[in-house]
Amino acid sequence: MRSGLISVEELRATLGEVSVLDVRYRMGGPAGPEEYASGHVPGAAYVDLDGALAAAPGPRGRHPLPDEAVFTAAMRAAGVSAGRPVVVYDDWSGHAAARCWWLLRYHGHPDVRVLDGGWAAWREAGGECETGAGTERESGDFTARPGALPVVGADTVRAVDVLIDARAAERYRGEVEPVDPVAGHVPGAVNVPTSRNLDENGRFRAPAGLAATYAEVGAVPGADVAVYCGSGVTAAHDVLALELAGVTAALYPGSWSEWVADPSRPVATG
């Protein structure tokens, strides 16, 4: 078992010993609750990204970090406890799952893993499927205590050794911008799209391959590294990949959507 990840086989073998969270979410895609009701990992609790894993959009970006009390309540309702391992999955190449993984780790949970390959891998391997609203579960005892993972803000993000933009290359270059009002990237940032973290089967690449990819931009063990994306969600995918590669990286939660909310901040293209 790689730190941060769990395979379908490992989850099936330990299903009764972990709390499973279904965080299916895709921008413009099917609504998560309906997808969950039509089929999910047995015993999994559905967690809504917009309601539980982010605060309301505003000057801090499109997906600011959730209020600690809101996050605590959502995790407890999903049965999360500090002493019980947590497995998170989605159907969005691990992007929403990585966000939940990061939030739980940031808020102090010691053992959280993303299901490698997500819902698709579970179904392809013949994993059992539960339908409907899900089973009743006891409330967990998790309490959010922020600060266990590093973060940077708009005033410190450019001071790191390596600043990684996790968005698609064309958005980084400023050729297109489908969501935010300004195209481009934070000056000095380098681009490692989240797509480079996965193999052709949608699984995370081996640690050695990930390490080589990130070494290309100077993100090596011991470097001061930070990652951002459009709104702070998919950047967690790069943070997870970097952890698999042995590199600790900070997250810029506000990301590009917060950066461009202030027109005085510089923007680079190309």
Protein backbone atom coordinates (compact mmCIF):
# COMPACT_ATOMS: atom_id res chain seq x y z
CA MET A 1 0.00 0.00 0.00
CA ARG A 2 1.50 3.33 -1.07
CA SER A 3 1.13 6.18 1.38
CA GLY A 4 -1.87 8.23 0.34
CA LEU A 5 -3.34 5.54 -1.93
CA ILE A 6 -5.21 2.28 -1.57
CA SER A 7 -5.94 -0.25 -4.31
CA VAL A 8 -9.30 -1.85 -5.00
CA GLU A 9 -7.99 -5.17 -3.71
CA GLU A 10 -6.78 -3.61 -0.47
CA LEU A 11 -10.07 -1.80 0.08
CA ARG A 12 -12.09 -4.96 -0.51
CA ALA A 13 -9.96 -6.76 2.07
CA THR A 14 -10.43 -4.05 4.71
CA LEU A 15 -13.87 -2.68 3.84
CA GLY A 16 -15.31 -3.24 7.32
CA GLU A 17 -12.34 -1.60 9.01
CA VAL A 18 -12.35 1.81 7.30
CA SER A 19 -14.71 4.74 6.76
CA VAL A 20 -15.41 5.20 3.06
CA LEU A 21 -16.37 8.58 1.61
CA ASP A 22 -17.93 9.02 -1.82
CA VAL A 23 -17.08 12.52 -3.06
CA ARG A 24 -18.13 12.20 -6.68
CA TYR A 25 -18.15 15.61 -8.29
CA ARG A 26 -17.46 16.99 -11.75
CA MET A 27 -17.84 20.55 -12.95
CA GLY A 28 -20.76 20.46 -15.34
CA GLY A 29 -21.22 16.72 -14.84
CA PRO A 30 -23.94 14.61 -13.21
CA ALA A 31 -25.00 15.63 -9.71
CA GLY A 32 -23.18 13.62 -7.07
CA PRO A 33 -26.16 12.57 -4.93
CA GLU A 34 -27.92 11.01 -7.91
CA GLU A 35 -24.76 9.16 -8.94
CA TYR A 36 -24.31 7.97 -5.36
CA ALA A 37 -27.90 6.70 -5.12
CA SER A 38 -27.54 4.77 -8.36
CA GLY A 39 -24.56 2.87 -6.97
CA HIS A 40 -21.71 3.24 -4.48
CA VAL A 41 -19.16 1.26 -2.49
CA PRO A 42 -21.05 -0.60 0.27
CA GLY A 43 -21.16 1.45 3.45
CA ALA A 44 -19.80 4.59 1.82
CA ALA A 45 -21.15 7.97 2.92
CA TYR A 46 -21.75 10.67 0.35
CA VAL A 47 -19.94 13.97 0.94
CA ASP A 48 -20.82 17.04 -1.13
CA LEU A 49 -17.79 18.98 -2.31
CA ASP A 50 -19.48 22.38 -2.53
CA GLY A 51 -21.31 22.04 0.79
CA ALA A 52 -18.77 20.22 2.96
CA LEU A 53 -15.35 20.60 1.34
CA ALA A 54 -15.50 24.31 0.49
CA ALA A 55 -16.95 27.56 1.75
CA ALA A 56 -19.07 29.87 -0.41
CA PRO A 57 -17.31 31.59 -3.33
CA GLY A 58 -16.00 35.07 -2.69
CA PRO A 59 -12.80 37.13 -2.58
CA ARG A 60 -10.89 34.09 -1.27
CA GLY A 61 -11.71 32.20 -4.47
CA ARG A 62 -14.29 29.85 -5.93
CA HIS A 63 -13.68 27.04 -3.43
CA PRO A 64 -12.25 28.55 -0.22
CA LEU A 65 -11.39 26.22 2.63
CA PRO A 66 -14.52 25.23 4.57
CA ASP A 67 -15.30 26.61 7.98
CA GLU A 68 -13.82 24.29 10.62
CA ALA A 69 -17.18 23.72 12.32
CA VAL A 70 -18.89 22.92 9.02
CA PHE A 71 -16.15 20.51 8.03
CA THR A 72 -16.17 18.85 11.45
CA ALA A 73 -19.94 18.36 11.33
CA ALA A 74 -19.84 16.95 7.79
CA MET A 75 -17.10 14.47 8.63
CA ARG A 76 -18.81 13.35 11.82
CA ALA A 77 -22.09 12.86 9.93
CA ALA A 78 -20.16 10.69 7.46
CA GLY A 79 -18.89 8.55 10.34
CA VAL A 80 -15.31 9.81 10.35
CA SER A 81 -13.39 9.28 13.56
CA ALA A 82 -9.80 10.16 14.37
CA GLY A 83 -8.82 6.59 15.19
CA ARG A 84 -10.32 4.91 12.11
CA PRO A 85 -8.70 4.98 8.65
CA VAL A 86 -10.55 6.84 5.90
CA VAL A 87 -10.75 5.96 2.19
CA VAL A 88 -12.00 8.53 -0.31
CA TYR A 89 -13.05 8.00 -3.92
CA ASP A 90 -14.66 9.83 -6.84
CA ASP A 91 -15.21 9.44 -10.59
CA TRP A 92 -13.19 12.51 -11.59
CA SER A 93 -9.68 11.05 -11.91
CA GLY A 94 -9.11 11.51 -8.18
CA HIS A 95 -9.46 15.31 -8.18
CA ALA A 96 -12.34 15.62 -5.70
CA ALA A 97 -10.98 12.69 -3.68
CA ALA A 98 -7.60 14.41 -3.42
CA ARG A 99 -9.33 17.55 -2.13
CA CYS A 100 -11.02 15.55 0.63
CA TRP A 101 -7.77 13.68 1.35
CA TRP A 102 -5.93 16.97 1.72
CA LEU A 103 -8.60 18.57 3.91
CA LEU A 104 -8.70 15.63 6.30
CA ARG A 105 -4.91 15.50 6.51
CA TYR A 106 -4.66 19.28 6.89
CA HIS A 107 -7.20 19.16 9.70
CA GLY A 108 -5.29 16.47 11.56
CA HIS A 109 -6.57 13.05 10.49
CA PRO A 110 -3.53 10.72 10.44
CA ASP A 111 -4.67 8.01 8.02
CA VAL A 112 -6.47 8.98 4.83
CA ARG A 113 -6.12 7.28 1.44
CA VAL A 114 -7.49 7.85 -2.05
CA LEU A 115 -8.88 4.84 -3.89
CA ASP A 116 -6.54 4.50 -6.86
CA GLY A 117 -8.64 4.55 -10.03
CA GLY A 118 -11.76 5.59 -8.12
CA TRP A 119 -15.27 4.35 -8.79
CA ALA A 120 -14.38 3.10 -12.27
CA ALA A 121 -11.63 0.86 -10.90
CA TRP A 122 -13.98 -0.48 -8.23
CA ARG A 123 -16.61 -1.45 -10.80
CA GLU A 124 -14.09 -2.84 -13.31
CA ALA A 125 -12.75 -5.15 -10.61
CA GLY A 126 -16.24 -6.45 -9.83
CA GLY A 127 -16.60 -4.58 -6.55
CA GLU A 128 -19.98 -4.86 -4.86
CA CYS A 129 -22.43 -2.05 -5.47
CA GLU A 130 -24.90 -0.67 -2.94
CA THR A 131 -27.77 1.52 -4.14
CA GLY A 132 -30.13 3.97 -2.53
CA ALA A 133 -29.54 6.46 0.26
CA GLY A 134 -26.97 4.27 1.97
CA THR A 135 -26.85 2.56 5.33
CA GLU A 136 -27.25 4.37 8.62
CA ARG A 137 -24.01 4.95 10.46
CA GLU A 138 -22.91 6.11 13.87
CA SER A 139 -21.65 9.66 14.10
CA GLY A 140 -17.89 9.95 14.15
CA ASP A 141 -15.77 11.83 16.66
CA PHE A 142 -13.46 13.70 14.26
CA THR A 143 -12.61 17.28 15.19
CA ALA A 144 -10.96 19.55 12.63
CA ARG A 145 -7.68 20.99 13.88
CA PRO A 146 -6.10 22.88 10.98
CA GLY A 147 -2.40 23.22 10.33
CA ALA A 148 -1.11 19.66 9.91
CA LEU A 149 -0.13 20.35 6.27
CA PRO A 150 1.51 23.51 4.90
CA VAL A 151 -0.38 26.27 3.09
CA VAL A 152 0.58 29.54 1.46
CA GLY A 153 -1.49 32.63 0.77
CA ALA A 154 -1.59 35.32 -1.87
CA ASP A 155 1.06 37.30 -0.02
CA THR A 156 3.54 34.41 0.29
CA VAL A 157 2.88 32.19 -2.74
CA ARG A 158 5.57 33.78 -4.91
CA ALA A 159 8.24 33.43 -2.22
CA VAL A 160 8.59 29.65 -2.56
CA ASP A 161 11.40 27.95 -4.47
CA VAL A 162 9.04 26.17 -6.88
CA LEU A 163 5.47 27.27 -7.58
CA ILE A 164 3.49 24.70 -9.57
CA ASP A 165 0.35 25.45 -11.57
CA ALA A 166 -1.69 22.22 -11.78
CA ARG A 167 -4.09 23.38 -14.51
CA ALA A 168 -4.11 22.24 -18.14
CA ALA A 169 -1.26 23.69 -20.18
CA GLU A 170 -3.48 25.90 -22.33
CA ARG A 171 -4.99 27.54 -19.25
CA TYR A 172 -1.54 28.04 -17.73
CA ARG A 173 -0.34 29.72 -20.91
CA GLY A 174 -3.42 31.96 -20.95
CA GLU A 175 -4.67 30.73 -24.32
CA VAL A 176 -8.08 29.85 -22.87
CA GLU A 177 -9.84 30.51 -19.58
CA PRO A 178 -13.25 28.83 -19.32
CA VAL A 179 -13.98 29.69 -15.69
CA ASP A 180 -12.13 32.67 -14.24
CA PRO A 181 -12.30 36.28 -15.52
CA VAL A 182 -8.58 36.61 -16.32
CA ALA A 183 -6.36 34.20 -18.28
CA GLY A 184 -2.73 33.41 -17.50
CA HIS A 185 -0.71 32.31 -14.49
CA VAL A 186 1.07 33.61 -11.42
CA PRO A 187 4.44 35.02 -12.55
CA GLY A 188 7.25 32.55 -11.93
CA ALA A 189 4.98 29.50 -11.78
CA VAL A 190 5.79 26.33 -13.70
CA ASN A 191 3.19 23.98 -15.13
CA VAL A 192 2.63 20.33 -14.16
CA PRO A 193 -0.95 19.44 -15.18
CA THR A 194 -2.68 16.86 -13.02
CA SER A 195 -3.02 14.64 -16.10
CA ARG A 196 0.71 13.91 -15.82
CA ASN A 197 0.14 12.20 -12.46
CA LEU A 198 -1.86 9.34 -13.97
CA ASP A 199 -1.12 6.42 -16.26
CA GLU A 200 -3.20 5.28 -19.22
CA ASN A 201 -5.50 3.34 -16.87
CA GLY A 202 -6.27 6.34 -14.69
CA ARG A 203 -4.09 5.15 -11.80
CA PHE A 204 -1.38 7.21 -10.18
CA ARG A 205 1.99 6.56 -11.76
CA ALA A 206 4.72 4.83 -9.78
CA PRO A 207 6.63 7.04 -7.30
CA ALA A 208 9.83 6.95 -9.36
CA GLY A 209 8.05 8.23 -12.45
CA LEU A 210 6.29 10.95 -10.49
CA ALA A 211 9.57 11.98 -8.88
CA ALA A 212 11.20 12.29 -12.30
CA THR A 213 8.33 14.41 -13.63
CA TYR A 214 8.45 16.85 -10.74
CA ALA A 215 12.24 16.95 -10.69
CA GLU A 216 12.02 18.45 -14.18
CA VAL A 217 10.68 21.65 -12.60
CA GLY A 218 12.87 21.56 -9.50
CA ALA A 219 10.31 20.04 -7.14
CA VAL A 220 12.64 17.68 -5.28
CA PRO A 221 12.90 16.62 -1.64
CA GLY A 222 14.03 19.56 0.46
CA ALA A 223 12.77 22.24 -1.94
CA ASP A 224 10.16 24.76 -0.81
CA VAL A 225 7.27 23.80 -3.11
CA ALA A 226 3.71 25.11 -3.42
CA VAL A 227 0.86 24.20 -5.77
CA TYR A 228 -2.18 26.06 -7.05
CA CYS A 229 -4.88 25.50 -9.68
CA GLY A 230 -8.07 27.35 -10.59
CA SER A 231 -9.83 27.24 -7.23
CA GLY A 232 -7.69 25.09 -4.92
CA VAL A 233 -9.44 21.76 -5.64
CA THR A 234 -7.41 20.01 -8.34
CA ALA A 235 -4.13 21.37 -6.95
CA ALA A 236 -4.51 18.80 -4.16
CA HIS A 237 -4.02 16.14 -6.86
CA ASP A 238 -0.49 17.46 -7.47
CA VAL A 239 0.12 17.69 -3.71
CA LEU A 240 -0.81 14.02 -3.39
CA ALA A 241 1.38 13.05 -6.36
CA LEU A 242 4.27 14.98 -4.84
CA GLU A 243 3.80 13.16 -1.54
CA LEU A 244 3.95 9.85 -3.40
CA ALA A 245 7.20 11.11 -4.93
CA GLY A 246 8.63 11.98 -1.52
CA VAL A 247 8.18 15.76 -1.79
CA THR A 248 6.24 17.87 0.71
CA ALA A 249 4.28 20.65 -0.99
CA ALA A 250 2.14 23.47 0.35
CA LEU A 251 -1.28 24.23 -1.12
CA TYR A 252 -2.39 27.72 -2.14
CA PRO A 253 -6.09 27.29 -1.28
CA GLY A 254 -7.36 30.44 -3.02
CA SER A 255 -5.42 29.64 -6.18
CA TRP A 256 -5.95 31.48 -9.47
CA SER A 257 -9.53 32.50 -8.67
CA GLU A 258 -8.34 34.39 -5.58
CA TRP A 259 -5.21 35.73 -7.28
CA VAL A 260 -7.14 37.48 -10.07
CA ALA A 261 -9.80 38.84 -7.72
CA ASP A 262 -7.32 41.63 -6.98
CA PRO A 263 -6.54 43.46 -10.25
CA SER A 264 -3.29 44.82 -8.79
CA ARG A 265 -1.70 41.37 -8.77
CA PRO A 266 0.54 40.61 -11.74
CA VAL A 267 -0.39 38.10 -14.40
CA ALA A 268 1.90 36.23 -16.80
CA THR A 269 1.05 34.45 -20.07
CA GLY A 270 2.90 32.15 -22.41
